[in-house]
Amino acid sequence: MARVLIIDDEEQIRSTMKSALERRSHECVTAETIVQGKQFLTAGFDIIFLDIMLPDGNGIQLLSDILADNPNQLVVMISGHADISTAINALKIGAYDFIEKPLSLDRVLITIENAMQKETLVSDNKRLTTLVYGSFIGESQSILKLKQDIAKSASRTTRFLISGENGTGKELVAHMIHTHSQFPDGSFVAVNCAALPSELVESELFGHTVGAFTGASKARKGKFLEANNGTIFLDEISEMPMEAQAKILRAIETKTIVSVGSDKEQKIECNIVAASNKDLLKLVAKGKFREDLLYRLNVVKFDVPALKERRSDIVLLAEYFLQHFAHETKTITKKLSSEAKVYLEAFDYPGNIRELKNLIERINIYCDNVLIQQDDIRELMPFVPKVQSTNLKDAVALFEKHQIEASINRNNKNMSKTAKELGLERSHLYKKMKKLGIDS
């Protein structure tokens, strides 16, 4: 069902369309002037049919006003007097479609159906993008603090350093920095420094001119210019050759770059986010990383915890990945039994979130049961991971502790809300917290 607004001065068109659409379970509102139509705009319609010639003004101008306030609004222009140039102008401004009068009901219905399919695709894409890049999934104290620190500092500088083990989500943190930064609408350009051939590092980062070296038949823009007014993410910066480190240092200090084969400086303005799974201070001591570059990058530093340091997030992440893969494969979202949750939380995950994600993908592929049991997970483990405890009582206590801590975080330490969410009396909750060693 679609919510449709029709703005047209011809009463017969309004009544015919309204009647036809409502018979097909669409919700329909009509207006005969621009003034009347504007009164309904804030109500939120899936699609608007807008006449070009109206008694109190031009529909093209109203189209511009609508899209200025809501760029995603679908507007179909209708007219019996417009020429081809008017139709092209309307589409350039951002109209979804243009239909000539007399209106064909079949054409109107097909347009609505196509528009709704487009809206669904856009909505799904936005939802998945938000799930992937919108926020770092987790409710543990360390992740909540990480989110707060990013929101507080990302717009106040343009240089950041991220540390953390492989698979902890450093690139996701970089995306969060980009979203909260001074340049959220610019491009996010990721560079895997470890994968750059040493002889092409400068060309990849700063670009090159035609003929700059053998095989340079076309000019190349380079990653820094691609990220201008956006964010460049230098992943595994520790693998960058020393000569290239000097060039990056100069780019940071002067906010300019020089392409290979050129002597012309080009201005750049962007966030520079570097990440490493190694201790850069130790590399500096060994002469393998420039100390001055480290201090230039390390204006704001974010440490991403290993998954074993945020066990209360493991089930939350597992359930998200189950939902993600179910959507991707168009299958029913599987659920975790209580025993399966305890089992998942017991492992150290040396590969961190990446390892957990791969495990959940295997579960989604091979497990036929909608409710996942402990045995289902054990069979799909690529190895026997280190378990914190083989004692079931200890494992259950660990699960309870993490569930309570997660609920406390979700409810901003409001114990009444926490007790209600967990289905416990408040006095019982405090007793459990004391028994499990949870700080009250």
Protein backbone atom coordinates (compact mmCIF):
# COMPACT_ATOMS: atom_id res chain seq x y z
CA MET A 1 0.00 0.00 0.00
CA ALA A 2 1.25 3.46 -0.93
CA ARG A 3 0.41 6.85 0.54
CA VAL A 4 -0.34 9.10 -2.43
CA LEU A 5 -0.85 12.88 -2.67
CA ILE A 6 -2.46 14.28 -5.82
CA ILE A 7 -2.15 18.02 -6.50
CA ASP A 8 -4.22 18.93 -9.58
CA ASP A 9 -6.81 21.62 -10.29
CA GLU A 10 -9.07 19.31 -12.36
CA GLU A 11 -11.73 17.82 -10.09
CA GLN A 12 -12.42 14.88 -12.42
CA ILE A 13 -8.76 13.82 -12.42
CA ARG A 14 -8.57 14.06 -8.63
CA SER A 15 -11.75 12.08 -8.01
CA THR A 16 -11.04 9.42 -10.68
CA MET A 17 -7.50 8.79 -9.45
CA LYS A 18 -8.53 8.82 -5.78
CA SER A 19 -11.33 6.32 -6.38
CA ALA A 20 -9.15 4.00 -8.49
CA LEU A 21 -6.26 4.05 -6.03
CA GLU A 22 -8.41 3.50 -2.95
CA ARG A 23 -10.04 0.48 -4.60
CA ARG A 24 -6.54 -0.98 -4.75
CA SER A 25 -5.94 -0.29 -1.03
CA HIS A 26 -3.75 2.78 -1.56
CA GLU A 27 -4.24 5.76 0.76
CA CYS A 28 -4.98 8.90 -1.25
CA VAL A 29 -5.20 12.60 -0.40
CA THR A 30 -6.00 15.32 -2.96
CA ALA A 31 -5.45 19.08 -3.27
CA GLU A 32 -6.42 21.50 -6.03
CA THR A 33 -3.92 24.33 -5.41
CA ILE A 34 -0.30 24.80 -4.33
CA VAL A 35 -1.44 26.35 -1.05
CA GLN A 36 -3.63 23.33 -0.25
CA GLY A 37 -0.92 20.90 -1.33
CA LYS A 38 1.71 22.47 0.91
CA GLN A 39 -0.53 21.84 3.92
CA PHE A 40 -0.18 18.09 3.38
CA LEU A 41 3.55 17.87 2.59
CA THR A 42 4.65 17.24 6.17
CA ALA A 43 2.30 14.24 6.44
CA GLY A 44 4.82 12.02 4.63
CA PHE A 45 3.71 10.53 1.29
CA ASP A 46 5.36 7.73 -0.67
CA ILE A 47 4.64 9.45 -3.96
CA ILE A 48 3.21 12.80 -5.09
CA PHE A 49 1.45 13.41 -8.42
CA LEU A 50 1.89 17.12 -9.21
CA ASP A 51 0.30 19.12 -12.03
CA ILE A 52 2.50 21.72 -13.71
CA MET A 53 -0.20 24.33 -14.34
CA LEU A 54 -2.02 25.24 -11.12
CA PRO A 55 -4.32 28.22 -10.34
CA ASP A 56 -1.96 29.80 -7.82
CA GLY A 57 1.45 29.01 -9.29
CA ASN A 58 3.79 26.76 -11.22
CA GLY A 59 4.19 23.11 -10.27
CA ILE A 60 7.85 23.15 -11.35
CA GLN A 61 8.64 25.66 -8.61
CA LEU A 62 6.73 23.57 -6.08
CA LEU A 63 8.75 20.53 -7.23
CA SER A 64 11.96 22.44 -6.47
CA ASP A 65 10.64 23.45 -3.04
CA ILE A 66 9.59 19.88 -2.19
CA LEU A 67 12.96 18.40 -3.17
CA ALA A 68 14.85 21.14 -1.33
CA ASP A 69 13.14 20.07 1.90
CA ASN A 70 13.16 16.33 1.13
CA PRO A 71 15.56 15.22 -1.66
CA ASN A 72 14.29 11.62 -1.45
CA GLN A 73 10.64 12.47 -2.07
CA LEU A 74 9.24 10.78 -5.22
CA VAL A 75 7.33 13.31 -7.34
CA VAL A 76 5.61 12.51 -10.65
CA MET A 77 4.83 15.57 -12.78
CA ILE A 78 1.60 15.52 -14.83
CA SER A 79 0.47 17.96 -17.51
CA GLY A 80 -1.62 18.30 -20.61
CA HIS A 81 0.10 21.47 -21.85
CA ALA A 82 3.84 20.98 -21.30
CA ASP A 83 6.33 20.52 -24.12
CA ILE A 84 9.33 18.20 -24.15
CA SER A 85 11.69 20.85 -22.73
CA THR A 86 9.45 21.27 -19.66
CA ALA A 87 9.45 17.52 -19.08
CA ILE A 88 13.25 17.36 -19.38
CA ASN A 89 13.59 20.31 -16.99
CA ALA A 90 11.36 18.59 -14.43
CA LEU A 91 13.43 15.39 -14.63
CA LYS A 92 16.66 17.38 -14.30
CA ILE A 93 15.35 19.05 -11.15
CA GLY A 94 14.67 15.62 -9.71
CA ALA A 95 11.17 14.50 -10.66
CA TYR A 96 10.79 10.71 -10.54
CA ASP A 97 8.71 10.60 -13.74
CA PHE A 98 6.62 12.71 -16.13
CA ILE A 99 3.14 11.64 -17.38
CA GLU A 100 1.11 13.44 -20.03
CA LYS A 101 -2.65 13.99 -19.83
CA PRO A 102 -5.09 12.45 -20.46
CA LEU A 103 -3.81 10.09 -17.76
CA SER A 104 -3.75 6.36 -18.32
CA LEU A 105 -4.78 4.57 -15.12
CA ASP A 106 -2.55 1.61 -16.02
CA ARG A 107 0.42 3.96 -16.43
CA VAL A 108 -0.33 5.57 -13.05
CA LEU A 109 -0.55 2.19 -11.29
CA ILE A 110 2.67 0.91 -12.91
CA THR A 111 4.43 4.13 -11.90
CA ILE A 112 3.34 3.68 -8.28
CA GLU A 113 4.41 0.02 -8.28
CA ASN A 114 7.84 0.87 -9.72
CA ALA A 115 8.23 3.76 -7.28
CA MET A 116 7.45 1.53 -4.30
CA GLN A 117 9.96 -1.09 -5.50
CA LYS A 118 12.57 1.64 -5.77
CA GLU A 119 11.74 2.87 -2.27
CA THR A 120 12.12 -0.67 -0.92
CA LEU A 121 15.52 -1.07 -2.56
CA VAL A 122 16.71 2.32 -1.30
CA SER A 123 15.40 1.56 2.17
CA ASP A 124 17.09 -1.87 2.25
CA ASN A 125 20.35 -0.36 1.02
CA LYS A 126 20.25 2.37 3.66
CA ARG A 127 19.42 -0.17 6.36
CA LEU A 128 22.29 -2.45 5.41
CA THR A 129 24.69 0.48 5.05
CA THR A 130 23.68 1.65 8.51
CA LEU A 131 24.17 -1.87 9.89
CA VAL A 132 27.61 -2.07 8.34
CA TYR A 133 28.86 1.48 8.76
CA GLY A 134 26.35 3.29 10.93
CA SER A 135 27.74 2.29 14.30
CA PHE A 136 30.07 -0.16 15.96
CA ILE A 137 27.85 -2.98 17.25
CA GLY A 138 28.32 -3.45 20.97
CA GLU A 139 27.03 -2.46 24.38
CA SER A 140 30.09 -3.25 26.51
CA GLN A 141 31.65 -0.43 28.50
CA SER A 142 34.72 -0.34 26.23
CA ILE A 143 32.64 0.02 23.06
CA LEU A 144 30.28 2.59 24.55
CA LYS A 145 33.33 4.66 25.56
CA LEU A 146 34.84 4.25 22.09
CA LYS A 147 31.64 5.55 20.47
CA GLN A 148 31.48 8.49 22.87
CA ASP A 149 35.12 9.40 22.26
CA ILE A 150 34.64 9.32 18.47
CA ALA A 151 31.51 11.48 18.64
CA LYS A 152 33.31 13.98 20.87
CA SER A 153 36.62 14.31 19.03
CA ALA A 154 36.14 13.41 15.35
CA SER A 155 35.05 16.90 14.29
CA ARG A 156 37.86 18.66 16.18
CA THR A 157 40.89 17.46 14.25
CA THR A 158 41.76 15.73 10.97
CA ARG A 159 44.43 13.26 12.14
CA PHE A 160 43.67 9.99 13.88
CA LEU A 161 45.44 6.78 14.80
CA ILE A 162 43.61 3.47 15.39
CA SER A 163 45.27 0.51 17.07
CA GLY A 164 43.92 -3.00 17.51
CA GLU A 165 44.37 -6.64 16.59
CA ASN A 166 43.43 -7.96 13.16
CA GLY A 167 39.71 -8.48 12.79
CA THR A 168 38.63 -6.11 15.57
CA GLY A 169 36.94 -3.64 13.20
CA LYS A 170 39.49 -0.85 12.71
CA GLU A 171 38.07 0.12 9.31
CA LEU A 172 34.59 0.32 10.80
CA VAL A 173 35.97 2.71 13.43
CA ALA A 174 37.51 4.74 10.58
CA HIS A 175 34.07 4.95 8.93
CA MET A 176 32.60 6.18 12.22
CA ILE A 177 35.30 8.86 12.42
CA HIS A 178 34.46 9.89 8.85
CA THR A 179 30.74 10.13 9.67
CA HIS A 180 31.38 12.41 12.69
CA SER A 181 34.20 14.41 11.08
CA GLN A 182 34.42 17.81 9.40
CA PHE A 183 34.01 16.11 6.00
CA PRO A 184 31.15 13.59 6.37
CA ASP A 185 29.82 14.17 2.84
CA GLY A 186 33.17 13.55 1.13
CA SER A 187 34.62 10.30 -0.15
CA PHE A 188 35.99 7.60 2.15
CA VAL A 189 39.08 6.15 0.47
CA ALA A 190 40.63 3.04 2.03
CA VAL A 191 44.24 2.09 1.28
CA ASN A 192 45.75 -1.24 2.35
CA CYS A 193 49.37 -0.18 2.81
CA ALA A 194 50.52 -3.78 3.17
CA ALA A 195 49.19 -4.62 -0.30
CA LEU A 196 50.88 -1.75 -2.17
CA PRO A 197 53.87 -2.79 -4.33
CA SER A 198 56.86 -0.78 -3.06
CA GLU A 199 57.64 0.59 -6.52
CA LEU A 200 54.09 1.92 -6.95
CA VAL A 201 53.41 3.32 -3.49
CA GLU A 202 53.95 6.98 -4.42
CA SER A 203 51.94 6.65 -7.65
CA GLU A 204 49.02 5.03 -5.78
CA LEU A 205 49.00 7.65 -3.05
CA PHE A 206 49.90 10.84 -4.90
CA GLY A 207 49.14 10.04 -8.54
CA HIS A 208 51.36 10.42 -11.60
CA THR A 209 51.54 12.31 -14.88
CA VAL A 210 51.61 10.80 -18.37
CA GLY A 211 55.11 9.46 -19.06
CA ALA A 212 56.21 9.75 -15.42
CA PHE A 213 57.67 6.24 -15.71
CA THR A 214 57.63 3.33 -18.14
CA GLY A 215 54.04 2.23 -18.69
CA ALA A 216 52.46 5.48 -17.43
CA SER A 217 50.33 6.01 -20.54
CA LYS A 218 47.53 7.71 -18.57
CA ALA A 219 47.58 10.25 -15.75
CA ARG A 220 46.53 8.95 -12.34
CA LYS A 221 44.78 11.01 -9.69
CA GLY A 222 46.06 9.19 -6.60
CA LYS A 223 44.33 8.26 -3.34
CA PHE A 224 44.98 11.54 -1.52
CA LEU A 225 43.27 13.59 -4.24
CA GLU A 226 40.40 11.08 -4.38
CA ALA A 227 39.93 11.69 -0.65
CA ASN A 228 40.09 15.49 -0.93
CA ASN A 229 37.36 16.97 1.29
CA GLY A 230 36.76 13.48 2.64
CA THR A 231 38.77 10.82 4.46
CA ILE A 232 41.79 8.71 3.53
CA PHE A 233 42.18 5.56 5.61
CA LEU A 234 45.74 4.21 5.68
CA ASP A 235 45.32 0.67 6.97
CA GLU A 236 48.42 -1.15 8.27
CA ILE A 237 50.46 2.06 8.10
CA SER A 238 53.37 0.16 9.71
CA GLU A 239 53.97 -1.57 6.34
CA MET A 240 54.56 1.73 4.53
CA PRO A 241 58.14 2.12 3.15
CA MET A 242 60.23 4.80 4.91
CA GLU A 243 60.51 6.94 1.75
CA ALA A 244 56.72 7.00 1.36
CA GLN A 245 56.38 7.82 5.08
CA ALA A 246 58.41 10.97 4.45
CA LYS A 247 56.04 11.98 1.63
CA ILE A 248 52.99 11.39 3.83
CA LEU A 249 54.57 13.47 6.59
CA ARG A 250 55.10 16.32 4.14
CA ALA A 251 51.50 16.03 2.90
CA ILE A 252 50.24 16.32 6.49
CA GLU A 253 52.47 19.29 7.32
CA THR A 254 51.93 21.31 4.13
CA LYS A 255 48.47 20.04 3.14
CA THR A 256 49.83 19.60 -0.38
CA ILE A 257 50.87 16.67 -2.56
CA VAL A 258 53.05 16.41 -5.68
CA SER A 259 52.25 13.78 -8.30
CA VAL A 260 55.04 11.56 -9.61
CA GLY A 261 56.53 13.23 -12.67
CA SER A 262 55.27 16.69 -11.72
CA ASP A 263 56.69 19.61 -9.77
CA LYS A 264 53.31 21.25 -9.24
CA GLU A 265 51.91 21.26 -5.71
CA GLN A 266 48.21 20.45 -5.29
CA LYS A 267 46.29 21.49 -2.18
CA ILE A 268 44.46 18.83 -0.20
CA GLU A 269 42.13 19.03 2.79
CA CYS A 270 40.99 15.75 4.28
CA ASN A 271 40.90 13.51 7.34
CA ILE A 272 43.94 11.26 7.58
CA VAL A 273 43.13 8.11 9.55
CA ALA A 274 45.92 5.58 10.05
CA ALA A 275 45.60 2.12 11.60
CA SER A 276 48.00 -0.56 12.73
CA ASN A 277 47.93 -3.90 14.50
CA LYS A 278 51.55 -3.37 15.59
CA ASP A 279 53.09 -1.22 18.32
CA LEU A 280 54.37 1.78 16.35
CA LEU A 281 56.51 3.01 19.25
CA LYS A 282 58.44 -0.27 19.17
CA LEU A 283 58.87 0.09 15.41
CA VAL A 284 60.18 3.63 15.94
CA ALA A 285 62.73 2.27 18.42
CA LYS A 286 63.86 -0.28 15.80
CA GLY A 287 64.15 2.42 13.13
CA LYS A 288 61.31 0.95 11.05
CA PHE A 289 58.84 3.81 11.47
CA ARG A 290 59.34 7.57 11.48
CA GLU A 291 58.92 9.10 14.91
CA ASP A 292 57.85 12.47 13.49
CA LEU A 293 55.14 10.80 11.38
CA LEU A 294 53.87 8.86 14.40
CA TYR A 295 53.42 12.05 16.41
CA ARG A 296 51.78 13.82 13.46
CA LEU A 297 49.25 11.02 13.12
CA ASN A 298 48.73 10.43 16.81
CA VAL A 299 46.66 13.54 17.54
CA VAL A 300 43.69 11.43 18.65
CA LYS A 301 44.18 7.71 19.25
CA PHE A 302 41.50 5.05 19.46
CA ASP A 303 42.27 1.58 20.83
CA VAL A 304 39.87 -1.08 19.55
CA PRO A 305 39.51 -3.91 22.09
CA ALA A 306 39.87 -7.56 21.13
CA LEU A 307 36.65 -9.57 21.13
CA LYS A 308 37.78 -11.58 24.17
CA GLU A 309 37.95 -8.26 26.07
CA ARG A 310 34.29 -7.51 25.32
CA ARG A 311 32.63 -10.91 25.73
CA SER A 312 29.27 -9.37 26.59
CA ASP A 313 29.06 -8.26 22.92
CA ILE A 314 29.64 -11.72 21.41
CA VAL A 315 25.98 -12.82 21.40
CA LEU A 316 24.86 -9.40 20.18
CA LEU A 317 27.29 -9.63 17.25
CA ALA A 318 26.35 -13.25 16.52
CA GLU A 319 22.64 -12.37 16.38
CA TYR A 320 23.38 -9.43 14.08
CA PHE A 321 25.38 -11.67 11.72
CA LEU A 322 22.58 -14.25 11.71
CA GLN A 323 20.15 -11.52 10.66
CA HIS A 324 22.62 -10.17 8.08
CA PHE A 325 23.22 -13.53 6.39
CA ALA A 326 19.52 -14.43 6.48
CA HIS A 327 18.76 -11.18 4.63
CA GLU A 328 21.61 -11.82 2.20
CA THR A 329 20.50 -15.38 1.41
CA LYS A 330 16.76 -14.66 1.70
CA THR A 331 16.30 -17.33 4.38
CA ILE A 332 14.67 -17.45 7.81
CA THR A 333 16.72 -15.79 10.54
CA LYS A 334 18.07 -18.49 12.85
CA LYS A 335 18.05 -18.14 16.64
CA LEU A 336 20.57 -19.12 19.30
CA SER A 337 19.59 -21.39 22.18
CA SER A 338 20.71 -20.40 25.70
CA GLU A 339 23.34 -23.16 25.66
CA ALA A 340 24.59 -21.97 22.25
CA LYS A 341 25.00 -18.42 23.59
CA VAL A 342 27.01 -19.67 26.57
CA TYR A 343 29.14 -21.80 24.22
CA LEU A 344 29.87 -18.87 21.88
CA GLU A 345 30.84 -16.60 24.76
CA ALA A 346 33.35 -19.09 26.13
CA PHE A 347 35.85 -18.79 23.27
CA ASP A 348 38.75 -16.34 22.88
CA TYR A 349 38.39 -15.79 19.07
CA PRO A 350 42.00 -15.06 18.08
CA GLY A 351 40.64 -13.78 14.75
CA ASN A 352 38.23 -11.48 16.63
CA ILE A 353 35.02 -10.28 14.94
CA ARG A 354 36.14 -11.55 11.54
CA GLU A 355 36.45 -15.07 12.95
CA LEU A 356 33.04 -14.87 14.64
CA LYS A 357 31.45 -13.59 11.43
CA ASN A 358 32.91 -16.48 9.42
CA LEU A 359 31.63 -18.97 11.99
CA ILE A 360 28.11 -17.52 11.88
CA GLU A 361 28.15 -17.60 8.07
CA ARG A 362 28.99 -21.32 8.19
CA ILE A 363 26.18 -21.85 10.69
CA ASN A 364 23.74 -20.06 8.39
CA ILE A 365 24.81 -22.27 5.46
CA TYR A 366 25.05 -25.68 7.09
CA CYS A 367 22.70 -25.64 10.07
CA ASP A 368 19.20 -26.76 9.07
CA ASN A 369 17.66 -26.06 12.47
CA VAL A 370 16.02 -22.70 13.07
CA LEU A 371 17.08 -22.91 16.72
CA ILE A 372 20.87 -23.34 16.86
CA GLN A 373 22.14 -25.69 19.56
CA GLN A 374 25.57 -26.04 21.13
CA ASP A 375 26.32 -29.18 19.08
CA ASP A 376 25.57 -27.31 15.84
CA ILE A 377 28.28 -24.78 16.67
CA ARG A 378 30.82 -27.39 17.84
CA GLU A 379 30.54 -29.30 14.56
CA LEU A 380 31.25 -26.18 12.51
CA MET A 381 34.26 -24.96 14.47
CA PRO A 382 37.37 -25.13 12.23
CA PHE A 383 39.43 -26.00 15.31
CA VAL A 384 38.94 -26.63 19.02
CA PRO A 385 39.21 -23.15 20.50
CA LYS A 386 40.45 -22.31 23.96
CA VAL A 387 37.53 -22.37 26.37
CA GLN A 388 37.52 -20.34 29.55
CA SER A 389 35.97 -23.12 31.59
CA THR A 390 34.73 -26.65 31.00
CA ASN A 391 32.48 -26.45 34.05
CA LEU A 392 28.85 -25.92 33.00
CA LYS A 393 28.03 -24.06 36.21
CA ASP A 394 30.87 -21.60 35.57
CA ALA A 395 29.81 -21.16 31.94
CA VAL A 396 26.19 -20.41 32.95
CA ALA A 397 27.43 -17.91 35.56
CA LEU A 398 29.58 -16.24 32.90
CA PHE A 399 26.60 -15.99 30.59
CA GLU A 400 24.41 -14.49 33.34
CA LYS A 401 27.10 -11.97 34.21
CA HIS A 402 27.43 -10.79 30.62
CA GLN A 403 23.66 -10.60 30.11
CA ILE A 404 23.23 -8.49 33.25
CA GLU A 405 26.14 -6.20 32.37
CA ALA A 406 24.76 -5.70 28.85
CA SER A 407 21.29 -4.88 30.22
CA ILE A 408 22.76 -2.39 32.71
CA ASN A 409 24.58 -0.65 29.85
CA ARG A 410 21.48 -0.59 27.65
CA ASN A 411 19.47 1.04 30.43
CA ASN A 412 22.15 3.61 31.34
CA LYS A 413 22.62 2.02 34.80
CA ASN A 414 18.94 2.45 35.69
CA MET A 415 18.52 -0.60 37.91
CA SER A 416 14.72 -0.53 37.93
CA LYS A 417 14.61 -0.70 34.12
CA THR A 418 17.35 -3.33 34.12
CA ALA A 419 15.46 -5.55 36.58
CA LYS A 420 12.26 -5.20 34.53
CA GLU A 421 14.05 -6.06 31.28
CA LEU A 422 15.62 -9.16 32.84
CA GLY A 423 12.37 -10.24 34.51
CA LEU A 424 13.83 -10.04 38.02
CA GLU A 425 12.86 -8.36 41.24
CA ARG A 426 15.23 -5.49 41.95
CA SER A 427 16.40 -7.09 45.21
CA HIS A 428 17.04 -10.37 43.34
CA LEU A 429 19.04 -8.48 40.71
CA TYR A 430 21.31 -6.95 43.36
CA LYS A 431 21.86 -10.36 44.94
CA LYS A 432 22.87 -11.82 41.58
CA MET A 433 25.18 -8.88 40.88
CA LYS A 434 26.90 -9.39 44.23
CA LYS A 435 27.24 -13.13 43.65
CA LEU A 436 28.63 -12.62 40.12
CA GLY A 437 31.00 -9.84 41.14
CA ILE A 438 29.29 -7.07 39.17
CA ASP A 439 30.06 -3.60 40.53
CA SER A 440 26.85 -1.90 41.63
